[in-house]
Amino acid sequence: MPAPDKVKGPASYFPSIEKTYGQPMAHWFALVQQQQGKKHMEIVAWLKAEHGLGHGHANAIVAHCLAAGKA
């Protein structure tokens, strides 16, 4: 039986983000959607300053949302 494909890219951070900050990914995606019109790094900085996320986690959330057209 073949091994399941390993999750790559920003989504690989999602289990750790949920565990570390106690919120489902839908919560973070909704927050990023509220920041429409801002640049990637502006949203990353906002998540870090206002919600206490680490840089890698904030960057992964924003990258995923921007790639999916959610911000």
N, C-alpha and C. Protein backbone atom coordinates (compact mmCIF):
# COMPACT_ATOMS: atom_id res chain seq x y z
N MET A 1 0.85 -1.17 0.00
CA MET A 1 0.00 0.00 0.00
C MET A 1 0.90 1.23 0.00
N PRO A 2 0.67 2.17 -0.94
CA PRO A 2 1.52 3.37 -1.01
C PRO A 2 1.28 4.29 0.19
N ALA A 3 2.33 4.98 0.59
CA ALA A 3 2.21 5.94 1.69
C ALA A 3 1.42 7.15 1.22
N PRO A 4 0.63 7.73 2.12
CA PRO A 4 -0.13 8.93 1.72
C PRO A 4 0.84 10.08 1.43
N ASP A 5 0.43 10.94 0.51
CA ASP A 5 1.26 12.09 0.17
C ASP A 5 1.43 12.97 1.41
N LYS A 6 2.66 13.38 1.64
CA LYS A 6 2.96 14.26 2.76
C LYS A 6 2.51 15.68 2.41
N VAL A 7 1.87 16.34 3.36
CA VAL A 7 1.42 17.71 3.14
C VAL A 7 2.65 18.60 3.03
N LYS A 8 2.64 19.46 2.03
CA LYS A 8 3.77 20.36 1.79
C LYS A 8 3.30 21.80 1.80
N GLY A 9 4.25 22.69 1.83
CA GLY A 9 3.94 24.12 1.75
C GLY A 9 3.33 24.64 3.03
N PRO A 10 2.64 25.77 2.95
CA PRO A 10 2.08 26.41 4.14
C PRO A 10 1.16 25.48 4.95
N ALA A 11 0.42 24.62 4.27
CA ALA A 11 -0.51 23.73 4.98
C ALA A 11 0.19 22.78 5.93
N SER A 12 1.47 22.54 5.73
CA SER A 12 2.19 21.64 6.62
C SER A 12 2.30 22.23 8.03
N TYR A 13 2.13 23.53 8.16
CA TYR A 13 2.18 24.19 9.47
C TYR A 13 0.84 24.15 10.22
N PHE A 14 -0.25 23.85 9.54
CA PHE A 14 -1.58 23.99 10.13
C PHE A 14 -1.79 23.19 11.40
N PRO A 15 -1.40 21.91 11.47
CA PRO A 15 -1.60 21.18 12.74
C PRO A 15 -0.88 21.84 13.91
N SER A 16 0.32 22.31 13.68
CA SER A 16 1.09 22.98 14.73
C SER A 16 0.44 24.30 15.13
N ILE A 17 -0.08 25.03 14.17
CA ILE A 17 -0.73 26.31 14.46
C ILE A 17 -1.96 26.08 15.34
N GLU A 18 -2.77 25.09 14.97
CA GLU A 18 -3.97 24.80 15.75
C GLU A 18 -3.61 24.36 17.17
N LYS A 19 -2.61 23.53 17.30
CA LYS A 19 -2.19 23.04 18.61
C LYS A 19 -1.59 24.17 19.45
N THR A 20 -0.74 24.98 18.87
CA THR A 20 -0.04 26.03 19.61
C THR A 20 -0.97 27.15 20.07
N TYR A 21 -1.91 27.56 19.20
CA TYR A 21 -2.72 28.74 19.50
C TYR A 21 -4.17 28.41 19.87
N GLY A 22 -4.54 27.14 19.80
CA GLY A 22 -5.86 26.71 20.27
C GLY A 22 -7.05 27.16 19.45
N GLN A 23 -6.82 27.50 18.21
CA GLN A 23 -7.90 27.93 17.33
C GLN A 23 -7.84 27.13 16.03
N PRO A 24 -9.01 26.81 15.44
CA PRO A 24 -9.00 26.12 14.15
C PRO A 24 -8.50 27.05 13.05
N MET A 25 -8.06 26.47 11.96
CA MET A 25 -7.53 27.28 10.86
C MET A 25 -8.59 28.23 10.31
N ALA A 26 -9.86 27.85 10.35
CA ALA A 26 -10.92 28.73 9.87
C ALA A 26 -10.90 30.07 10.62
N HIS A 27 -10.56 30.04 11.89
CA HIS A 27 -10.46 31.27 12.68
C HIS A 27 -9.40 32.20 12.10
N TRP A 28 -8.22 31.64 11.82
CA TRP A 28 -7.12 32.45 11.29
C TRP A 28 -7.41 32.94 9.88
N PHE A 29 -8.03 32.08 9.07
CA PHE A 29 -8.38 32.49 7.70
C PHE A 29 -9.37 33.66 7.73
N ALA A 30 -10.33 33.60 8.64
CA ALA A 30 -11.32 34.68 8.75
C ALA A 30 -10.66 35.99 9.15
N LEU A 31 -9.70 35.92 10.07
CA LEU A 31 -8.98 37.13 10.47
C LEU A 31 -8.22 37.73 9.30
N VAL A 32 -7.58 36.89 8.53
CA VAL A 32 -6.81 37.38 7.38
C VAL A 32 -7.74 38.00 6.34
N GLN A 33 -8.91 37.40 6.15
CA GLN A 33 -9.86 37.96 5.19
C GLN A 33 -10.26 39.38 5.56
N GLN A 34 -10.27 39.69 6.84
CA GLN A 34 -10.63 41.03 7.29
C GLN A 34 -9.54 42.06 6.95
N GLN A 35 -8.39 41.59 6.53
CA GLN A 35 -7.26 42.47 6.23
C GLN A 35 -7.08 42.68 4.72
N GLN A 36 -8.14 42.48 3.97
CA GLN A 36 -8.08 42.64 2.52
C GLN A 36 -7.48 43.97 2.13
N GLY A 37 -6.69 43.94 1.07
CA GLY A 37 -6.08 45.15 0.54
C GLY A 37 -4.71 45.44 1.12
N LYS A 38 -4.33 44.72 2.18
CA LYS A 38 -3.01 44.92 2.76
C LYS A 38 -2.01 43.97 2.12
N LYS A 39 -0.75 44.32 2.20
CA LYS A 39 0.31 43.49 1.63
C LYS A 39 0.61 42.31 2.55
N HIS A 40 1.22 41.30 1.96
CA HIS A 40 1.56 40.07 2.67
C HIS A 40 2.24 40.36 4.01
N MET A 41 3.33 41.09 3.98
CA MET A 41 4.09 41.31 5.20
C MET A 41 3.37 42.22 6.20
N GLU A 42 2.47 43.05 5.72
CA GLU A 42 1.66 43.86 6.63
C GLU A 42 0.73 42.97 7.44
N ILE A 43 0.15 41.97 6.78
CA ILE A 43 -0.75 41.04 7.46
C ILE A 43 0.04 40.15 8.42
N VAL A 44 1.21 39.70 8.00
CA VAL A 44 2.07 38.90 8.87
C VAL A 44 2.39 39.69 10.13
N ALA A 45 2.81 40.92 9.97
CA ALA A 45 3.16 41.77 11.12
C ALA A 45 1.95 41.97 12.03
N TRP A 46 0.78 42.13 11.46
CA TRP A 46 -0.44 42.31 12.23
C TRP A 46 -0.76 41.06 13.05
N LEU A 47 -0.67 39.89 12.42
CA LEU A 47 -0.93 38.64 13.15
C LEU A 47 0.05 38.47 14.30
N LYS A 48 1.30 38.82 14.09
CA LYS A 48 2.31 38.71 15.13
C LYS A 48 2.03 39.70 16.27
N ALA A 49 1.75 40.94 15.94
CA ALA A 49 1.55 41.98 16.95
C ALA A 49 0.23 41.84 17.70
N GLU A 50 -0.84 41.56 16.99
CA GLU A 50 -2.17 41.55 17.60
C GLU A 50 -2.59 40.20 18.16
N HIS A 51 -2.01 39.13 17.62
CA HIS A 51 -2.47 37.80 18.02
C HIS A 51 -1.35 36.90 18.55
N GLY A 52 -0.13 37.42 18.60
CA GLY A 52 0.97 36.69 19.21
C GLY A 52 1.50 35.50 18.43
N LEU A 53 1.23 35.45 17.14
CA LEU A 53 1.75 34.34 16.34
C LEU A 53 3.23 34.52 16.07
N GLY A 54 3.92 33.41 15.93
CA GLY A 54 5.31 33.45 15.50
C GLY A 54 5.36 33.79 14.02
N HIS A 55 6.53 34.22 13.57
CA HIS A 55 6.67 34.65 12.19
C HIS A 55 6.34 33.53 11.19
N GLY A 56 6.88 32.35 11.40
CA GLY A 56 6.65 31.24 10.47
C GLY A 56 5.18 30.86 10.37
N HIS A 57 4.51 30.82 11.51
CA HIS A 57 3.08 30.48 11.50
C HIS A 57 2.26 31.57 10.82
N ALA A 58 2.53 32.82 11.15
CA ALA A 58 1.80 33.92 10.52
C ALA A 58 2.04 33.93 9.01
N ASN A 59 3.27 33.73 8.62
CA ASN A 59 3.61 33.73 7.19
C ASN A 59 2.90 32.59 6.46
N ALA A 60 2.83 31.42 7.08
CA ALA A 60 2.16 30.28 6.44
C ALA A 60 0.67 30.55 6.24
N ILE A 61 0.03 31.13 7.24
CA ILE A 61 -1.40 31.45 7.14
C ILE A 61 -1.64 32.45 6.01
N VAL A 62 -0.87 33.51 5.99
CA VAL A 62 -1.05 34.55 4.98
C VAL A 62 -0.74 34.01 3.59
N ALA A 63 0.33 33.26 3.45
CA ALA A 63 0.69 32.69 2.14
C ALA A 63 -0.44 31.80 1.62
N HIS A 64 -1.00 30.98 2.49
CA HIS A 64 -2.10 30.10 2.07
C HIS A 64 -3.31 30.91 1.63
N CYS A 65 -3.66 31.90 2.44
CA CYS A 65 -4.84 32.72 2.11
C CYS A 65 -4.66 33.49 0.81
N LEU A 66 -3.50 34.07 0.61
CA LEU A 66 -3.26 34.83 -0.61
C LEU A 66 -3.26 33.90 -1.84
N ALA A 67 -2.67 32.73 -1.70
CA ALA A 67 -2.65 31.77 -2.82
C ALA A 67 -4.05 31.29 -3.17
N ALA A 68 -4.91 31.19 -2.15
CA ALA A 68 -6.28 30.72 -2.37
C ALA A 68 -7.24 31.85 -2.71
N GLY A 69 -6.73 33.07 -2.75
CA GLY A 69 -7.58 34.22 -3.05
C GLY A 69 -8.49 34.62 -1.91
N LYS A 70 -8.09 34.29 -0.66
CA LYS A 70 -8.92 34.57 0.51
C LYS A 70 -8.54 35.89 1.19
N ALA A 71 -7.64 36.63 0.60
CA ALA A 71 -7.26 37.91 1.24
C ALA A 71 -6.97 38.94 0.16
